All heavy atoms as atom14 arrays in JSON, in Angstrom:
{
  "sequence": "SLNKKIRNVEKQKVPFIVIIGDKEVQNNTLSIRDRYTNDQTDRK",
  "atom14_mask": [
    [1, 1, 1, 1, 1, 1, 0, 0, 0, 0, 0, 0, 0, 0],
    [1, 1, 1, 1, 1, 1, 1, 1, 0, 0, 0, 0, 0, 0],
    [1, 1, 1, 1, 1, 1, 1, 1, 0, 0, 0, 0, 0, 0],
    [1, 1, 1, 1, 1, 1, 1, 1, 1, 0, 0, 0, 0, 0],
    [1, 1, 1, 1, 1, 1, 1, 1, 1, 0, 0, 0, 0, 0],
    [1, 1, 1, 1, 1, 1, 1, 1, 0, 0, 0, 0, 0, 0],
    [1, 1, 1, 1, 1, 1, 1, 1, 1, 1, 1, 0, 0, 0],
    [1, 1, 1, 1, 1, 1, 1, 1, 0, 0, 0, 0, 0, 0],
    [1, 1, 1, 1, 1, 1, 1, 0, 0, 0, 0, 0, 0, 0],
    [1, 1, 1, 1, 1, 1, 1, 1, 1, 0, 0, 0, 0, 0],
    [1, 1, 1, 1, 1, 1, 1, 1, 1, 0, 0, 0, 0, 0],
    [1, 1, 1, 1, 1, 1, 1, 1, 1, 0, 0, 0, 0, 0],
    [1, 1, 1, 1, 1, 1, 1, 1, 1, 0, 0, 0, 0, 0],
    [1, 1, 1, 1, 1, 1, 1, 0, 0, 0, 0, 0, 0, 0],
    [1, 1, 1, 1, 1, 1, 1, 0, 0, 0, 0, 0, 0, 0],
    [1, 1, 1, 1, 1, 1, 1, 1, 1, 1, 1, 0, 0, 0],
    [1, 1, 1, 1, 1, 1, 1, 1, 0, 0, 0, 0, 0, 0],
    [1, 1, 1, 1, 1, 1, 1, 0, 0, 0, 0, 0, 0, 0],
    [1, 1, 1, 1, 1, 1, 1, 1, 0, 0, 0, 0, 0, 0],
    [1, 1, 1, 1, 1, 1, 1, 1, 0, 0, 0, 0, 0, 0],
    [1, 1, 1, 1, 0, 0, 0, 0, 0, 0, 0, 0, 0, 0],
    [1, 1, 1, 1, 1, 1, 1, 1, 0, 0, 0, 0, 0, 0],
    [1, 1, 1, 1, 1, 1, 1, 1, 1, 0, 0, 0, 0, 0],
    [1, 1, 1, 1, 1, 1, 1, 1, 1, 0, 0, 0, 0, 0],
    [1, 1, 1, 1, 1, 1, 1, 0, 0, 0, 0, 0, 0, 0],
    [1, 1, 1, 1, 1, 1, 1, 1, 1, 0, 0, 0, 0, 0],
    [1, 1, 1, 1, 1, 1, 1, 1, 0, 0, 0, 0, 0, 0],
    [1, 1, 1, 1, 1, 1, 1, 1, 0, 0, 0, 0, 0, 0],
    [1, 1, 1, 1, 1, 1, 1, 0, 0, 0, 0, 0, 0, 0],
    [1, 1, 1, 1, 1, 1, 1, 1, 0, 0, 0, 0, 0, 0],
    [1, 1, 1, 1, 1, 1, 0, 0, 0, 0, 0, 0, 0, 0],
    [1, 1, 1, 1, 1, 1, 1, 1, 0, 0, 0, 0, 0, 0],
    [1, 1, 1, 1, 1, 1, 1, 1, 1, 1, 1, 0, 0, 0],
    [1, 1, 1, 1, 1, 1, 1, 1, 0, 0, 0, 0, 0, 0],
    [1, 1, 1, 1, 1, 1, 1, 1, 1, 1, 1, 0, 0, 0],
    [1, 1, 1, 1, 1, 1, 1, 1, 1, 1, 1, 1, 0, 0],
    [1, 1, 1, 1, 1, 1, 1, 0, 0, 0, 0, 0, 0, 0],
    [1, 1, 1, 1, 1, 1, 1, 1, 0, 0, 0, 0, 0, 0],
    [1, 1, 1, 1, 1, 1, 1, 1, 0, 0, 0, 0, 0, 0],
    [1, 1, 1, 1, 1, 1, 1, 1, 1, 0, 0, 0, 0, 0],
    [1, 1, 1, 1, 1, 1, 1, 0, 0, 0, 0, 0, 0, 0],
    [1, 1, 1, 1, 1, 1, 1, 1, 0, 0, 0, 0, 0, 0],
    [1, 1, 1, 1, 1, 1, 1, 1, 1, 1, 1, 0, 0, 0],
    [1, 1, 1, 1, 1, 1, 1, 1, 1, 0, 0, 0, 0, 0]
  ],
  "atom14_positions": [
    [[21.04, 269.13, 133.95], [22.06, 269.55, 134.87], [21.55, 270.66, 135.74], [20.56, 271.38, 135.39], [23.32, 270.0, 134.13], [23.04, 271.24, 133.47], [0.0, 0.0, 0.0], [0.0, 0.0, 0.0], [0.0, 0.0, 0.0], [0.0, 0.0, 0.0], [0.0, 0.0, 0.0], [0.0, 0.0, 0.0], [0.0, 0.0, 0.0], [0.0, 0.0, 0.0]],
    [[22.15, 270.79, 136.95], [21.75, 271.85, 137.82], [21.85, 273.24, 137.18], [20.93, 274.06, 137.29], [22.59, 271.84, 139.13], [22.34, 272.93, 140.13], [20.87, 272.9, 140.61], [23.31, 272.84, 141.31], [0.0, 0.0, 0.0], [0.0, 0.0, 0.0], [0.0, 0.0, 0.0], [0.0, 0.0, 0.0], [0.0, 0.0, 0.0], [0.0, 0.0, 0.0]],
    [[22.92, 273.49, 136.5], [23.12, 274.79, 135.84], [22.02, 275.07, 134.83], [21.55, 276.18, 134.71], [24.48, 274.9, 135.16], [25.6, 275.05, 136.2], [25.36, 275.5, 137.3], [26.79, 274.66, 135.82], [0.0, 0.0, 0.0], [0.0, 0.0, 0.0], [0.0, 0.0, 0.0], [0.0, 0.0, 0.0], [0.0, 0.0, 0.0], [0.0, 0.0, 0.0]],
    [[21.61, 274.07, 134.06], [20.57, 274.23, 133.06], [19.24, 274.5, 133.74], [18.47, 275.33, 133.26], [20.47, 273.0, 132.15], [19.52, 273.21, 130.99], [19.55, 272.06, 130.03], [18.59, 272.31, 128.84], [18.59, 271.21, 127.84], [0.0, 0.0, 0.0], [0.0, 0.0, 0.0], [0.0, 0.0, 0.0], [0.0, 0.0, 0.0], [0.0, 0.0, 0.0]],
    [[18.97, 273.8, 134.81], [17.72, 274.03, 135.56], [17.66, 275.51, 136.07], [16.65, 276.16, 135.95], [17.6, 273.09, 136.71], [17.29, 271.65, 136.34], [17.23, 270.79, 137.59], [17.0, 269.33, 137.26], [16.97, 268.47, 138.48], [0.0, 0.0, 0.0], [0.0, 0.0, 0.0], [0.0, 0.0, 0.0], [0.0, 0.0, 0.0], [0.0, 0.0, 0.0]],
    [[18.8, 275.92, 136.62], [18.85, 277.32, 137.15], [18.64, 278.27, 136.01], [17.89, 279.28, 136.16], [20.21, 277.51, 137.89], [20.27, 276.72, 139.19], [20.36, 279.05, 138.17], [21.59, 276.73, 139.86], [0.0, 0.0, 0.0], [0.0, 0.0, 0.0], [0.0, 0.0, 0.0], [0.0, 0.0, 0.0], [0.0, 0.0, 0.0], [0.0, 0.0, 0.0]],
    [[19.31, 278.08, 134.85], [19.16, 278.98, 133.73], [17.71, 279.03, 133.28], [17.19, 280.11, 132.94], [20.04, 278.58, 132.57], [21.51, 278.86, 132.75], [22.25, 278.84, 131.44], [22.14, 277.54, 130.81], [22.96, 276.5, 130.99], [23.96, 276.62, 131.89], [22.8, 275.38, 130.34], [0.0, 0.0, 0.0], [0.0, 0.0, 0.0], [0.0, 0.0, 0.0]],
    [[17.04, 277.88, 133.21], [15.64, 277.82, 132.77], [14.75, 278.61, 133.71], [13.8, 279.33, 133.26], [15.17, 276.4, 132.64], [15.79, 275.69, 131.45], [16.23, 276.3, 130.49], [15.84, 274.34, 131.51], [0.0, 0.0, 0.0], [0.0, 0.0, 0.0], [0.0, 0.0, 0.0], [0.0, 0.0, 0.0], [0.0, 0.0, 0.0], [0.0, 0.0, 0.0]],
    [[14.98, 278.49, 135.02], [14.14, 279.24, 135.98], [14.47, 280.69, 135.94], [13.57, 281.57, 135.95], [14.35, 278.64, 137.42], [13.5, 279.43, 138.4], [14.05, 277.19, 137.45], [0.0, 0.0, 0.0], [0.0, 0.0, 0.0], [0.0, 0.0, 0.0], [0.0, 0.0, 0.0], [0.0, 0.0, 0.0], [0.0, 0.0, 0.0], [0.0, 0.0, 0.0]],
    [[15.73, 281.07, 135.8], [16.12, 282.46, 135.72], [15.56, 283.15, 134.46], [15.2, 284.32, 134.51], [17.66, 282.64, 135.75], [18.28, 282.36, 137.1], [19.75, 282.54, 137.09], [20.38, 282.43, 136.01], [20.34, 282.79, 138.18], [0.0, 0.0, 0.0], [0.0, 0.0, 0.0], [0.0, 0.0, 0.0], [0.0, 0.0, 0.0], [0.0, 0.0, 0.0]],
    [[15.43, 282.37, 133.38], [14.85, 282.91, 132.16], [13.4, 283.35, 132.39], [12.92, 284.32, 131.78], [14.92, 281.88, 131.04], [14.62, 282.45, 129.68], [14.89, 281.39, 128.57], [14.65, 281.97, 127.22], [14.9, 280.97, 126.13], [0.0, 0.0, 0.0], [0.0, 0.0, 0.0], [0.0, 0.0, 0.0], [0.0, 0.0, 0.0], [0.0, 0.0, 0.0]],
    [[12.73, 282.68, 133.3], [11.36, 283.08, 133.66], [11.34, 284.16, 134.71], [10.26, 284.63, 135.09], [10.62, 281.85, 134.2], [10.44, 280.69, 133.18], [9.91, 279.44, 133.79], [9.3, 279.47, 134.85], [10.19, 278.33, 133.18], [0.0, 0.0, 0.0], [0.0, 0.0, 0.0], [0.0, 0.0, 0.0], [0.0, 0.0, 0.0], [0.0, 0.0, 0.0]],
    [[12.53, 284.64, 135.14], [12.66, 285.76, 136.06], [11.9, 285.55, 137.35], [11.19, 286.39, 137.91], [12.21, 287.07, 135.39], [12.97, 287.35, 134.06], [12.61, 288.65, 133.47], [13.28, 288.85, 132.09], [14.74, 288.83, 132.18], [0.0, 0.0, 0.0], [0.0, 0.0, 0.0], [0.0, 0.0, 0.0], [0.0, 0.0, 0.0], [0.0, 0.0, 0.0]],
    [[12.05, 284.3, 137.87], [11.41, 283.91, 139.14], [12.2, 284.59, 140.33], [13.39, 284.48, 140.34], [11.4, 282.39, 139.34], [10.79, 281.99, 140.66], [10.6, 281.75, 138.17], [0.0, 0.0, 0.0], [0.0, 0.0, 0.0], [0.0, 0.0, 0.0], [0.0, 0.0, 0.0], [0.0, 0.0, 0.0], [0.0, 0.0, 0.0], [0.0, 0.0, 0.0]],
    [[11.48, 285.27, 141.22], [12.19, 286.0, 142.29], [13.07, 285.14, 143.18], [14.19, 285.51, 143.5], [11.04, 286.6, 143.11], [9.89, 286.71, 142.14], [10.03, 285.55, 141.22], [0.0, 0.0, 0.0], [0.0, 0.0, 0.0], [0.0, 0.0, 0.0], [0.0, 0.0, 0.0], [0.0, 0.0, 0.0], [0.0, 0.0, 0.0], [0.0, 0.0, 0.0]],
    [[12.61, 283.9, 143.58], [13.4, 283.05, 144.46], [13.57, 281.68, 143.82], [12.6, 281.06, 143.36], [12.7, 282.92, 145.79], [12.7, 284.14, 146.65], [11.57, 284.96, 146.67], [13.77, 284.47, 147.44], [11.54, 286.11, 147.39], [13.75, 285.63, 148.2], [12.65, 286.44, 148.22], [0.0, 0.0, 0.0], [0.0, 0.0, 0.0], [0.0, 0.0, 0.0]],
    [[14.77, 281.22, 143.8], [15.11, 279.84, 143.35], [15.6, 279.09, 144.58], [16.54, 279.53, 145.23], [16.17, 279.83, 142.24], [15.68, 280.63, 141.02], [16.51, 278.39, 141.88], [16.76, 280.75, 139.96], [0.0, 0.0, 0.0], [0.0, 0.0, 0.0], [0.0, 0.0, 0.0], [0.0, 0.0, 0.0], [0.0, 0.0, 0.0], [0.0, 0.0, 0.0]],
    [[14.93, 277.97, 144.9], [15.27, 277.15, 146.08], [15.86, 275.85, 145.59], [15.25, 275.16, 144.77], [14.04, 276.9, 146.92], [14.37, 275.9, 148.03], [13.47, 278.19, 147.49], [0.0, 0.0, 0.0], [0.0, 0.0, 0.0], [0.0, 0.0, 0.0], [0.0, 0.0, 0.0], [0.0, 0.0, 0.0], [0.0, 0.0, 0.0], [0.0, 0.0, 0.0]],
    [[17.11, 275.58, 146.03], [17.79, 274.32, 145.64], [17.8, 273.39, 146.84], [18.14, 273.78, 147.94], [19.23, 274.63, 145.18], [19.16, 275.56, 143.93], [19.95, 273.36, 144.79], [20.51, 276.14, 143.53], [0.0, 0.0, 0.0], [0.0, 0.0, 0.0], [0.0, 0.0, 0.0], [0.0, 0.0, 0.0], [0.0, 0.0, 0.0], [0.0, 0.0, 0.0]],
    [[17.42, 272.14, 146.59], [17.28, 271.16, 147.69], [18.14, 269.93, 147.36], [18.0, 269.27, 146.32], [15.79, 270.73, 147.86], [14.92, 271.91, 148.19], [15.69, 269.63, 148.91], [13.45, 271.66, 148.16], [0.0, 0.0, 0.0], [0.0, 0.0, 0.0], [0.0, 0.0, 0.0], [0.0, 0.0, 0.0], [0.0, 0.0, 0.0], [0.0, 0.0, 0.0]],
    [[19.07, 269.67, 148.27], [19.89, 268.52, 148.19], [19.93, 267.75, 149.52], [19.09, 268.02, 150.4], [0.0, 0.0, 0.0], [0.0, 0.0, 0.0], [0.0, 0.0, 0.0], [0.0, 0.0, 0.0], [0.0, 0.0, 0.0], [0.0, 0.0, 0.0], [0.0, 0.0, 0.0], [0.0, 0.0, 0.0], [0.0, 0.0, 0.0], [0.0, 0.0, 0.0]],
    [[20.94, 266.83, 149.71], [20.98, 266.07, 150.95], [21.08, 266.95, 152.21], [20.43, 266.78, 153.2], [22.22, 265.15, 150.89], [22.04, 264.03, 149.88], [20.9, 263.71, 149.54], [23.06, 263.44, 149.5], [0.0, 0.0, 0.0], [0.0, 0.0, 0.0], [0.0, 0.0, 0.0], [0.0, 0.0, 0.0], [0.0, 0.0, 0.0], [0.0, 0.0, 0.0]],
    [[21.98, 267.96, 152.1], [22.26, 268.86, 153.24], [20.99, 269.57, 153.66], [20.67, 269.71, 154.87], [23.34, 269.82, 152.85], [23.74, 270.77, 153.97], [24.87, 271.73, 153.51], [25.24, 272.69, 154.62], [26.31, 273.64, 154.15], [0.0, 0.0, 0.0], [0.0, 0.0, 0.0], [0.0, 0.0, 0.0], [0.0, 0.0, 0.0], [0.0, 0.0, 0.0]],
    [[20.2, 270.06, 152.65], [19.01, 270.83, 152.99], [17.97, 269.88, 153.64], [17.29, 270.3, 154.6], [18.46, 271.41, 151.71], [19.21, 272.65, 151.2], [20.55, 272.25, 150.54], [20.64, 271.08, 150.06], [21.47, 273.07, 150.49], [0.0, 0.0, 0.0], [0.0, 0.0, 0.0], [0.0, 0.0, 0.0], [0.0, 0.0, 0.0], [0.0, 0.0, 0.0]],
    [[17.81, 268.66, 153.13], [16.84, 267.71, 153.68], [17.2, 267.39, 155.11], [16.34, 267.33, 156.03], [16.73, 266.44, 152.81], [15.87, 265.42, 153.47], [16.17, 266.77, 151.44], [0.0, 0.0, 0.0], [0.0, 0.0, 0.0], [0.0, 0.0, 0.0], [0.0, 0.0, 0.0], [0.0, 0.0, 0.0], [0.0, 0.0, 0.0], [0.0, 0.0, 0.0]],
    [[18.5, 267.12, 155.35], [18.95, 266.74, 156.68], [18.77, 267.85, 157.69], [18.39, 267.59, 158.87], [20.41, 266.29, 156.66], [20.65, 265.02, 155.87], [22.11, 264.77, 155.62], [22.99, 265.49, 156.07], [22.42, 263.72, 154.82], [0.0, 0.0, 0.0], [0.0, 0.0, 0.0], [0.0, 0.0, 0.0], [0.0, 0.0, 0.0], [0.0, 0.0, 0.0]],
    [[19.02, 269.12, 157.28], [18.98, 270.24, 158.24], [17.72, 271.04, 158.16], [17.58, 272.05, 158.89], [20.17, 271.15, 157.93], [21.52, 270.47, 158.11], [21.68, 269.63, 158.99], [22.48, 270.91, 157.28], [0.0, 0.0, 0.0], [0.0, 0.0, 0.0], [0.0, 0.0, 0.0], [0.0, 0.0, 0.0], [0.0, 0.0, 0.0], [0.0, 0.0, 0.0]],
    [[16.76, 270.62, 157.35], [15.5, 271.35, 157.18], [15.74, 272.8, 156.8], [15.15, 273.72, 157.3], [14.64, 271.26, 158.41], [13.18, 271.59, 158.11], [12.64, 271.21, 157.05], [12.53, 272.21, 159.08], [0.0, 0.0, 0.0], [0.0, 0.0, 0.0], [0.0, 0.0, 0.0], [0.0, 0.0, 0.0], [0.0, 0.0, 0.0], [0.0, 0.0, 0.0]],
    [[16.7, 272.97, 155.86], [17.04, 274.31, 155.37], [16.87, 274.4, 153.86], [16.59, 273.39, 153.23], [18.52, 274.67, 155.71], [19.38, 273.67, 155.12], [18.73, 274.69, 157.22], [0.0, 0.0, 0.0], [0.0, 0.0, 0.0], [0.0, 0.0, 0.0], [0.0, 0.0, 0.0], [0.0, 0.0, 0.0], [0.0, 0.0, 0.0], [0.0, 0.0, 0.0]],
    [[17.09, 275.54, 153.32], [16.95, 275.78, 151.89], [18.1, 276.6, 151.41], [18.54, 277.54, 152.03], [15.66, 276.54, 151.57], [14.37, 275.88, 152.06], [13.17, 276.86, 151.86], [14.08, 274.59, 151.31], [0.0, 0.0, 0.0], [0.0, 0.0, 0.0], [0.0, 0.0, 0.0], [0.0, 0.0, 0.0], [0.0, 0.0, 0.0], [0.0, 0.0, 0.0]],
    [[18.69, 276.22, 150.28], [19.7, 276.97, 149.61], [18.99, 277.87, 148.59], [18.36, 277.4, 147.68], [20.72, 276.06, 148.9], [21.67, 276.8, 148.22], [0.0, 0.0, 0.0], [0.0, 0.0, 0.0], [0.0, 0.0, 0.0], [0.0, 0.0, 0.0], [0.0, 0.0, 0.0], [0.0, 0.0, 0.0], [0.0, 0.0, 0.0], [0.0, 0.0, 0.0]],
    [[19.14, 279.19, 148.81], [18.29, 280.15, 148.09], [19.12, 281.06, 147.18], [20.18, 281.57, 147.59], [17.51, 281.03, 149.1], [16.57, 280.13, 149.93], [16.7, 282.1, 148.37], [15.98, 280.8, 151.12], [0.0, 0.0, 0.0], [0.0, 0.0, 0.0], [0.0, 0.0, 0.0], [0.0, 0.0, 0.0], [0.0, 0.0, 0.0], [0.0, 0.0, 0.0]],
    [[18.64, 281.21, 145.98], [19.17, 282.25, 145.06], [18.08, 283.32, 144.98], [17.01, 283.08, 144.45], [19.48, 281.65, 143.69], [20.57, 280.61, 143.73], [20.76, 279.95, 142.38], [21.32, 280.8, 141.38], [22.63, 280.85, 141.1], [23.47, 280.04, 141.74], [23.09, 281.68, 140.17], [0.0, 0.0, 0.0], [0.0, 0.0, 0.0], [0.0, 0.0, 0.0]],
    [[18.37, 284.46, 145.5], [17.36, 285.54, 145.69], [17.57, 286.6, 144.66], [18.53, 287.38, 144.73], [17.52, 286.1, 147.12], [16.55, 287.2, 147.43], [15.88, 287.68, 146.5], [16.47, 287.59, 148.62], [0.0, 0.0, 0.0], [0.0, 0.0, 0.0], [0.0, 0.0, 0.0], [0.0, 0.0, 0.0], [0.0, 0.0, 0.0], [0.0, 0.0, 0.0]],
    [[16.69, 286.68, 143.68], [16.76, 287.7, 142.64], [15.96, 288.95, 143.06], [15.86, 289.93, 142.32], [16.14, 287.19, 141.32], [16.95, 286.08, 140.64], [16.11, 285.43, 139.53], [15.75, 286.36, 138.47], [16.54, 286.65, 137.46], [17.72, 286.08, 137.34], [16.13, 287.52, 136.51], [0.0, 0.0, 0.0], [0.0, 0.0, 0.0], [0.0, 0.0, 0.0]],
    [[15.38, 288.91, 144.24], [14.44, 289.96, 144.64], [15.14, 291.0, 145.53], [15.06, 292.19, 145.26], [13.24, 289.33, 145.36], [12.15, 290.26, 145.59], [11.3, 290.66, 144.57], [11.89, 290.81, 146.87], [10.27, 291.58, 144.74], [10.84, 291.67, 147.08], [10.07, 292.04, 146.02], [9.03, 292.96, 146.21], [0.0, 0.0, 0.0], [0.0, 0.0, 0.0]],
    [[15.75, 290.55, 146.59], [16.34, 291.39, 147.71], [15.24, 292.11, 148.44], [14.09, 292.2, 147.98], [17.37, 292.37, 147.19], [16.73, 293.46, 146.55], [18.4, 291.74, 146.31], [0.0, 0.0, 0.0], [0.0, 0.0, 0.0], [0.0, 0.0, 0.0], [0.0, 0.0, 0.0], [0.0, 0.0, 0.0], [0.0, 0.0, 0.0], [0.0, 0.0, 0.0]],
    [[15.55, 292.58, 149.61], [14.55, 293.23, 150.43], [14.02, 294.47, 149.81], [12.85, 294.86, 150.05], [15.15, 293.52, 151.82], [15.37, 292.25, 152.61], [14.67, 291.31, 152.42], [16.41, 292.25, 153.46], [0.0, 0.0, 0.0], [0.0, 0.0, 0.0], [0.0, 0.0, 0.0], [0.0, 0.0, 0.0], [0.0, 0.0, 0.0], [0.0, 0.0, 0.0]],
    [[14.81, 295.22, 149.06], [14.35, 296.45, 148.46], [14.44, 296.29, 146.94], [15.49, 296.36, 146.34], [15.26, 297.62, 148.92], [14.78, 298.96, 148.37], [13.81, 298.95, 147.59], [15.37, 300.01, 148.67], [0.0, 0.0, 0.0], [0.0, 0.0, 0.0], [0.0, 0.0, 0.0], [0.0, 0.0, 0.0], [0.0, 0.0, 0.0], [0.0, 0.0, 0.0]],
    [[13.28, 296.07, 146.36], [13.28, 295.74, 144.92], [13.73, 296.9, 144.07], [14.18, 296.73, 142.91], [11.89, 295.3, 144.5], [10.87, 296.44, 144.51], [9.63, 296.03, 143.69], [9.45, 294.92, 143.32], [8.79, 296.98, 143.47], [0.0, 0.0, 0.0], [0.0, 0.0, 0.0], [0.0, 0.0, 0.0], [0.0, 0.0, 0.0], [0.0, 0.0, 0.0]],
    [[13.69, 298.14, 144.61], [14.14, 299.29, 143.78], [15.65, 299.27, 143.59], [16.15, 299.9, 142.72], [13.68, 300.59, 144.44], [14.22, 300.68, 145.74], [12.19, 300.71, 144.53], [0.0, 0.0, 0.0], [0.0, 0.0, 0.0], [0.0, 0.0, 0.0], [0.0, 0.0, 0.0], [0.0, 0.0, 0.0], [0.0, 0.0, 0.0], [0.0, 0.0, 0.0]],
    [[16.38, 298.55, 144.48], [17.8, 298.46, 144.35], [18.29, 297.26, 143.53], [19.44, 297.1, 143.26], [18.47, 298.37, 145.75], [18.33, 299.69, 146.55], [18.13, 300.71, 145.84], [18.43, 299.65, 147.72], [0.0, 0.0, 0.0], [0.0, 0.0, 0.0], [0.0, 0.0, 0.0], [0.0, 0.0, 0.0], [0.0, 0.0, 0.0], [0.0, 0.0, 0.0]],
    [[17.32, 296.43, 143.16], [17.66, 295.18, 142.48], [17.97, 295.45, 141.02], [17.21, 296.08, 140.31], [16.46, 294.18, 142.62], [16.67, 292.91, 141.87], [15.58, 291.94, 142.33], [14.26, 292.56, 142.27], [13.48, 292.48, 141.24], [13.83, 291.83, 140.14], [12.32, 293.06, 141.25], [0.0, 0.0, 0.0], [0.0, 0.0, 0.0], [0.0, 0.0, 0.0]],
    [[19.08, 294.92, 140.52], [19.42, 295.03, 139.14], [18.96, 293.77, 138.41], [18.99, 292.67, 138.97], [20.91, 295.23, 138.96], [21.45, 296.53, 139.54], [22.92, 296.66, 139.36], [23.47, 297.97, 139.96], [24.91, 298.11, 139.77], [0.0, 0.0, 0.0], [0.0, 0.0, 0.0], [0.0, 0.0, 0.0], [0.0, 0.0, 0.0], [0.0, 0.0, 0.0]]
  ]
}
């Protein structure tokens, strides 16, 4: 499932998770979950 995939990637503490579906392919965009932020010192 999508939630399980996200949990597995988050467990590895990957800075960016990119999710790709129909909308992203059609629009050449990416749905991003950003664990990093621009200022890593502010990131919890």
